[in-house]
N, C-alpha and C. Protein backbone atom coordinates (compact mmCIF):
# COMPACT_ATOMS: atom_id res chain seq x y z
N UNK A 1 111.72 88.36 138.20
CA UNK A 1 111.15 87.83 136.99
C UNK A 1 109.65 87.63 137.20
N UNK A 2 108.87 87.83 136.16
CA UNK A 2 107.42 87.71 136.22
C UNK A 2 106.93 86.66 135.24
N UNK A 3 105.77 86.10 135.52
CA UNK A 3 105.12 85.15 134.63
C UNK A 3 103.76 85.70 134.28
N UNK A 4 103.45 85.66 133.01
CA UNK A 4 102.15 86.09 132.51
C UNK A 4 101.48 84.85 131.95
N UNK A 5 100.28 84.54 132.43
CA UNK A 5 99.64 83.30 131.98
C UNK A 5 98.21 83.55 131.54
N UNK A 6 97.63 82.52 130.96
CA UNK A 6 96.26 82.54 130.49
C UNK A 6 95.99 83.62 129.44
N UNK A 7 96.91 83.73 128.50
CA UNK A 7 96.78 84.67 127.39
C UNK A 7 96.29 83.90 126.17
N UNK A 8 95.27 84.41 125.52
CA UNK A 8 94.80 83.75 124.30
C UNK A 8 95.70 84.14 123.13
N UNK A 9 95.61 83.41 122.06
CA UNK A 9 96.40 83.73 120.86
C UNK A 9 96.03 85.11 120.33
N UNK A 10 94.76 85.46 120.39
CA UNK A 10 94.33 86.78 119.93
C UNK A 10 94.92 87.88 120.81
N UNK A 11 94.94 87.67 122.12
CA UNK A 11 95.53 88.66 123.02
C UNK A 11 97.03 88.78 122.78
N UNK A 12 97.69 87.66 122.54
CA UNK A 12 99.11 87.67 122.25
C UNK A 12 99.39 88.44 120.95
N UNK A 13 98.53 88.28 119.96
CA UNK A 13 98.67 89.00 118.69
C UNK A 13 98.54 90.51 118.92
N UNK A 14 97.57 90.93 119.73
CA UNK A 14 97.38 92.35 120.01
C UNK A 14 98.59 92.91 120.76
N UNK A 15 99.09 92.16 121.73
CA UNK A 15 100.29 92.59 122.47
C UNK A 15 101.46 92.75 121.49
N UNK A 16 101.61 91.80 120.60
CA UNK A 16 102.68 91.84 119.61
C UNK A 16 102.56 93.07 118.72
N UNK A 17 101.37 93.33 118.22
CA UNK A 17 101.15 94.49 117.35
C UNK A 17 101.41 95.80 118.10
N UNK A 18 100.99 95.86 119.35
CA UNK A 18 101.21 97.07 120.15
C UNK A 18 102.70 97.30 120.40
N UNK A 19 103.43 96.23 120.72
CA UNK A 19 104.87 96.35 120.94
C UNK A 19 105.59 96.77 119.66
N UNK A 20 105.17 96.22 118.53
CA UNK A 20 105.77 96.58 117.26
C UNK A 20 105.57 98.07 116.98
N UNK A 21 104.35 98.55 117.14
CA UNK A 21 104.07 99.96 116.89
C UNK A 21 104.84 100.85 117.87
N UNK A 22 104.85 100.48 119.14
CA UNK A 22 105.56 101.25 120.17
C UNK A 22 107.04 101.38 119.83
N UNK A 23 107.66 100.26 119.46
CA UNK A 23 109.09 100.31 119.14
C UNK A 23 109.34 101.15 117.89
N UNK A 24 108.44 101.06 116.92
CA UNK A 24 108.60 101.87 115.71
C UNK A 24 108.46 103.36 116.01
N UNK A 25 107.49 103.73 116.82
CA UNK A 25 107.30 105.14 117.16
C UNK A 25 108.53 105.67 117.89
N UNK A 26 109.08 104.91 118.83
CA UNK A 26 110.25 105.37 119.58
C UNK A 26 111.53 105.41 118.76
N UNK A 27 111.53 104.76 117.60
CA UNK A 27 112.70 104.86 116.71
C UNK A 27 112.51 105.93 115.65
N UNK A 28 111.36 106.57 115.64
CA UNK A 28 111.12 107.65 114.69
C UNK A 28 110.28 107.27 113.49
N UNK A 29 109.75 106.07 113.48
CA UNK A 29 108.90 105.62 112.37
C UNK A 29 107.45 106.05 112.63
N UNK A 30 107.24 107.34 112.78
CA UNK A 30 105.92 107.86 113.11
C UNK A 30 104.90 107.64 112.00
N UNK A 31 105.38 107.45 110.78
CA UNK A 31 104.47 107.19 109.65
C UNK A 31 103.70 105.89 109.82
N UNK A 32 104.14 105.03 110.74
CA UNK A 32 103.43 103.78 110.98
C UNK A 32 102.12 103.99 111.72
N UNK A 33 102.01 105.09 112.47
CA UNK A 33 100.78 105.35 113.22
C UNK A 33 99.57 105.46 112.29
N UNK A 34 99.58 106.35 111.30
CA UNK A 34 98.41 106.40 110.41
C UNK A 34 98.22 105.12 109.61
N UNK A 35 99.30 104.42 109.29
CA UNK A 35 99.17 103.15 108.57
C UNK A 35 98.37 102.14 109.38
N UNK A 36 98.70 102.04 110.67
CA UNK A 36 98.00 101.11 111.56
C UNK A 36 96.54 101.54 111.73
N UNK A 37 96.34 102.84 111.94
CA UNK A 37 94.97 103.33 112.12
C UNK A 37 94.12 103.09 110.88
N UNK A 38 94.69 103.32 109.71
CA UNK A 38 93.93 103.08 108.47
C UNK A 38 93.54 101.60 108.37
N UNK A 39 94.47 100.74 108.70
CA UNK A 39 94.21 99.29 108.60
C UNK A 39 93.19 98.84 109.63
N UNK A 40 93.39 99.22 110.88
CA UNK A 40 92.54 98.73 111.97
C UNK A 40 91.17 99.39 111.99
N UNK A 41 91.08 100.64 111.52
CA UNK A 41 89.80 101.34 111.52
C UNK A 41 89.13 101.31 110.16
N UNK A 42 89.72 100.54 109.23
CA UNK A 42 89.17 100.38 107.88
C UNK A 42 88.95 101.74 107.20
N UNK A 43 89.97 102.58 107.26
CA UNK A 43 89.89 103.89 106.63
C UNK A 43 90.57 103.87 105.26
N UNK A 44 90.16 102.94 104.43
CA UNK A 44 90.81 102.78 103.14
C UNK A 44 90.38 103.83 102.12
N UNK A 45 89.26 104.47 102.35
CA UNK A 45 88.73 105.38 101.34
C UNK A 45 89.07 106.83 101.62
N UNK A 46 90.11 107.09 102.37
CA UNK A 46 90.51 108.47 102.61
C UNK A 46 90.92 109.12 101.30
N UNK A 47 90.55 110.38 101.14
CA UNK A 47 90.94 111.05 99.91
C UNK A 47 92.39 111.50 100.00
N UNK A 48 92.93 111.90 98.87
CA UNK A 48 94.34 112.26 98.80
C UNK A 48 94.67 113.45 99.70
N UNK A 49 93.76 114.41 99.79
CA UNK A 49 94.01 115.58 100.64
C UNK A 49 94.13 115.20 102.11
N UNK A 50 93.27 114.31 102.58
CA UNK A 50 93.36 113.91 103.99
C UNK A 50 94.65 113.14 104.25
N UNK A 51 95.08 112.30 103.30
CA UNK A 51 96.35 111.59 103.46
C UNK A 51 97.51 112.58 103.51
N UNK A 52 97.47 113.59 102.63
CA UNK A 52 98.53 114.61 102.62
C UNK A 52 98.55 115.38 103.93
N UNK A 53 97.37 115.72 104.45
CA UNK A 53 97.28 116.45 105.73
C UNK A 53 97.87 115.62 106.87
N UNK A 54 97.54 114.33 106.89
CA UNK A 54 98.06 113.43 107.92
C UNK A 54 99.57 113.31 107.80
N UNK A 55 100.07 113.14 106.59
CA UNK A 55 101.52 113.02 106.39
C UNK A 55 102.24 114.30 106.81
N UNK A 56 101.64 115.44 106.53
CA UNK A 56 102.24 116.72 106.93
C UNK A 56 102.28 116.83 108.46
N UNK A 57 101.19 116.44 109.11
CA UNK A 57 101.14 116.49 110.58
C UNK A 57 102.20 115.56 111.18
N UNK A 58 102.35 114.38 110.63
CA UNK A 58 103.36 113.42 111.11
C UNK A 58 104.75 114.00 110.92
N UNK A 59 105.00 114.63 109.77
CA UNK A 59 106.30 115.25 109.51
C UNK A 59 106.61 116.34 110.53
N UNK A 60 105.61 117.15 110.85
CA UNK A 60 105.79 118.22 111.83
C UNK A 60 106.10 117.65 113.20
N UNK A 61 105.36 116.65 113.61
CA UNK A 61 105.61 116.00 114.91
C UNK A 61 107.01 115.42 114.94
N UNK A 62 107.40 114.73 113.87
CA UNK A 62 108.71 114.09 113.84
C UNK A 62 109.83 115.13 113.92
N UNK A 63 109.64 116.26 113.25
CA UNK A 63 110.66 117.31 113.27
C UNK A 63 110.91 117.79 114.69
N UNK A 64 109.87 117.88 115.52
CA UNK A 64 110.02 118.33 116.89
C UNK A 64 110.48 117.23 117.84
N UNK A 65 110.00 116.03 117.63
CA UNK A 65 110.32 114.92 118.53
C UNK A 65 111.69 114.29 118.23
N UNK A 66 112.10 114.34 116.97
CA UNK A 66 113.37 113.73 116.54
C UNK A 66 114.15 114.75 115.72
N UNK A 67 114.60 115.84 116.33
CA UNK A 67 115.25 116.91 115.56
C UNK A 67 116.60 116.52 114.95
N UNK A 68 117.20 115.45 115.43
CA UNK A 68 118.54 115.08 114.97
C UNK A 68 118.55 114.11 113.80
N UNK A 69 117.37 113.71 113.33
CA UNK A 69 117.36 112.78 112.19
C UNK A 69 116.53 113.36 111.06
N UNK A 70 116.88 112.96 109.86
CA UNK A 70 116.20 113.40 108.64
C UNK A 70 114.74 112.94 108.67
N UNK A 71 113.82 113.71 108.08
CA UNK A 71 112.40 113.35 108.12
C UNK A 71 112.06 111.97 107.54
N UNK A 72 112.89 111.47 106.64
CA UNK A 72 112.60 110.18 106.02
C UNK A 72 113.49 109.05 106.54
N UNK A 73 114.09 109.29 107.70
CA UNK A 73 115.00 108.32 108.30
C UNK A 73 114.53 108.02 109.72
N UNK A 74 114.85 106.82 110.20
CA UNK A 74 114.56 106.45 111.59
C UNK A 74 115.80 105.79 112.17
N UNK A 75 115.87 105.74 113.49
CA UNK A 75 116.96 105.02 114.13
C UNK A 75 116.79 103.53 113.89
N UNK A 76 117.90 102.83 113.72
CA UNK A 76 117.81 101.37 113.66
C UNK A 76 117.66 100.87 115.09
N UNK A 77 117.12 99.69 115.23
CA UNK A 77 116.88 99.15 116.57
C UNK A 77 118.20 98.91 117.31
N UNK A 78 119.27 98.67 116.58
CA UNK A 78 120.57 98.43 117.19
C UNK A 78 121.40 99.67 117.43
N UNK A 79 120.89 100.83 117.03
CA UNK A 79 121.64 102.08 117.19
C UNK A 79 121.81 102.42 118.66
N UNK A 80 122.97 102.93 119.04
CA UNK A 80 123.15 103.37 120.42
C UNK A 80 122.24 104.56 120.78
N UNK A 81 121.72 105.25 119.78
CA UNK A 81 120.83 106.39 120.01
C UNK A 81 119.37 105.97 120.19
N UNK A 82 119.07 104.71 119.96
CA UNK A 82 117.70 104.23 120.09
C UNK A 82 117.31 104.11 121.55
N UNK A 83 116.13 104.60 121.87
CA UNK A 83 115.59 104.55 123.23
C UNK A 83 115.58 103.11 123.74
N UNK A 84 115.98 102.91 125.00
CA UNK A 84 116.07 101.56 125.58
C UNK A 84 114.71 100.86 125.61
N UNK A 85 113.63 101.60 125.84
CA UNK A 85 112.32 100.97 125.85
C UNK A 85 111.89 100.53 124.44
N UNK A 86 112.37 101.22 123.42
CA UNK A 86 112.11 100.78 122.05
C UNK A 86 112.78 99.43 121.82
N UNK A 87 113.99 99.28 122.32
CA UNK A 87 114.73 98.01 122.19
C UNK A 87 114.03 96.90 122.97
N UNK A 88 113.59 97.21 124.18
CA UNK A 88 112.89 96.20 124.99
C UNK A 88 111.60 95.75 124.29
N UNK A 89 110.84 96.72 123.81
CA UNK A 89 109.57 96.40 123.13
C UNK A 89 109.84 95.55 121.89
N UNK A 90 110.87 95.90 121.14
CA UNK A 90 111.20 95.15 119.93
C UNK A 90 111.61 93.72 120.26
N UNK A 91 112.41 93.56 121.28
CA UNK A 91 112.85 92.21 121.65
C UNK A 91 111.67 91.34 122.08
N UNK A 92 110.77 91.89 122.87
CA UNK A 92 109.59 91.12 123.28
C UNK A 92 108.73 90.81 122.05
N UNK A 93 108.56 91.80 121.19
CA UNK A 93 107.80 91.60 119.94
C UNK A 93 108.40 90.45 119.13
N UNK A 94 109.72 90.42 118.99
CA UNK A 94 110.36 89.37 118.19
C UNK A 94 110.18 87.99 118.82
N UNK A 95 110.26 87.89 120.13
CA UNK A 95 110.05 86.61 120.80
C UNK A 95 108.63 86.11 120.53
N UNK A 96 107.66 87.01 120.66
CA UNK A 96 106.27 86.64 120.37
C UNK A 96 106.11 86.26 118.91
N UNK A 97 106.71 87.03 118.02
CA UNK A 97 106.61 86.77 116.58
C UNK A 97 107.19 85.40 116.22
N UNK A 98 108.33 85.08 116.79
CA UNK A 98 108.94 83.77 116.53
C UNK A 98 108.07 82.66 117.08
N UNK A 99 107.50 82.88 118.25
CA UNK A 99 106.61 81.87 118.85
C UNK A 99 105.38 81.65 117.97
N UNK A 100 104.80 82.74 117.46
CA UNK A 100 103.56 82.64 116.69
C UNK A 100 103.80 82.17 115.25
N UNK A 101 105.01 82.37 114.73
CA UNK A 101 105.34 81.99 113.35
C UNK A 101 106.66 81.23 113.32
N UNK A 102 106.72 80.07 113.92
CA UNK A 102 108.01 79.38 114.06
C UNK A 102 108.64 78.92 112.75
N UNK A 103 107.87 78.80 111.70
CA UNK A 103 108.42 78.27 110.45
C UNK A 103 108.56 79.34 109.37
N UNK A 104 108.27 80.59 109.70
CA UNK A 104 108.42 81.67 108.72
C UNK A 104 109.90 81.88 108.45
N UNK A 105 110.27 81.88 107.19
CA UNK A 105 111.68 81.97 106.84
C UNK A 105 112.31 83.28 107.31
N UNK A 106 111.53 84.34 107.40
CA UNK A 106 112.07 85.62 107.85
C UNK A 106 112.53 85.56 109.30
N UNK A 107 112.01 84.63 110.07
CA UNK A 107 112.36 84.54 111.48
C UNK A 107 113.46 83.53 111.78
N UNK A 108 113.92 82.81 110.79
CA UNK A 108 114.95 81.81 111.04
C UNK A 108 116.21 82.48 111.57
N UNK A 109 116.67 82.03 112.69
CA UNK A 109 117.90 82.53 113.27
C UNK A 109 117.75 83.80 114.08
N UNK A 110 116.54 84.31 114.23
CA UNK A 110 116.35 85.53 115.02
C UNK A 110 116.61 85.24 116.48
N UNK A 111 117.35 86.11 117.11
CA UNK A 111 117.66 85.94 118.52
C UNK A 111 117.52 87.28 119.23
N UNK A 112 117.47 87.23 120.55
CA UNK A 112 117.47 88.44 121.35
C UNK A 112 118.91 88.94 121.32
N UNK A 113 119.14 90.08 120.67
CA UNK A 113 120.52 90.51 120.46
C UNK A 113 120.81 91.96 120.78
N UNK A 114 119.80 92.76 121.06
CA UNK A 114 120.04 94.18 121.28
C UNK A 114 120.16 94.55 122.74
N UNK A 115 119.77 93.66 123.62
CA UNK A 115 119.86 93.91 125.05
C UNK A 115 120.63 92.78 125.70
N UNK A 116 121.84 93.05 126.08
CA UNK A 116 122.65 91.98 126.67
C UNK A 116 122.52 91.92 128.18
N UNK A 117 121.91 92.94 128.78
CA UNK A 117 121.83 92.98 130.23
C UNK A 117 120.51 92.46 130.79
N UNK A 118 119.67 91.91 129.95
CA UNK A 118 118.36 91.47 130.41
C UNK A 118 118.18 89.99 130.10
N UNK A 119 117.35 89.34 130.91
CA UNK A 119 117.14 87.91 130.73
C UNK A 119 116.36 87.63 129.45
N UNK A 120 116.51 86.44 128.94
CA UNK A 120 115.84 86.03 127.72
C UNK A 120 114.40 85.64 128.05
N UNK A 121 113.48 86.15 127.27
CA UNK A 121 112.06 85.86 127.49
C UNK A 121 111.72 84.53 126.85
N UNK A 122 110.80 83.81 127.46
CA UNK A 122 110.38 82.52 126.95
C UNK A 122 108.86 82.45 126.96
N UNK A 123 108.29 81.86 125.90
CA UNK A 123 106.85 81.67 125.81
C UNK A 123 106.61 80.17 125.69
N UNK A 124 105.68 79.67 126.46
CA UNK A 124 105.33 78.26 126.36
C UNK A 124 103.83 78.08 126.55
N UNK A 125 103.31 77.02 125.97
CA UNK A 125 101.90 76.72 126.11
C UNK A 125 101.70 75.86 127.35
N UNK A 126 100.56 76.07 127.99
CA UNK A 126 100.25 75.25 129.17
C UNK A 126 99.00 74.46 128.92
């Protein structure tokens, strides 16, 4: 077991966002990549043609990387076909999310449930 300490709230937020994106990509939600880039790089004024080109490129990548699923579908995090690292990333993301937003109604009752063979992660302030 490892301990990670002296993390700022901003660093924890970045870790959380990275884990969320990583787990989404590994489940086939490749459309999240341009969404994140547009948001973080403030690319709101892209024209329709560039958005279409990006969406086409993402579709092509997804067809090769995830040949067994429909272009508009992704694996659920609980699916037995979901990559184990996607599940690990999601579980860590959820622990961080619950820690950072303890009173958000969407997080009520969320637990580590997709990995039964790993220890439960804990976050505490020092």
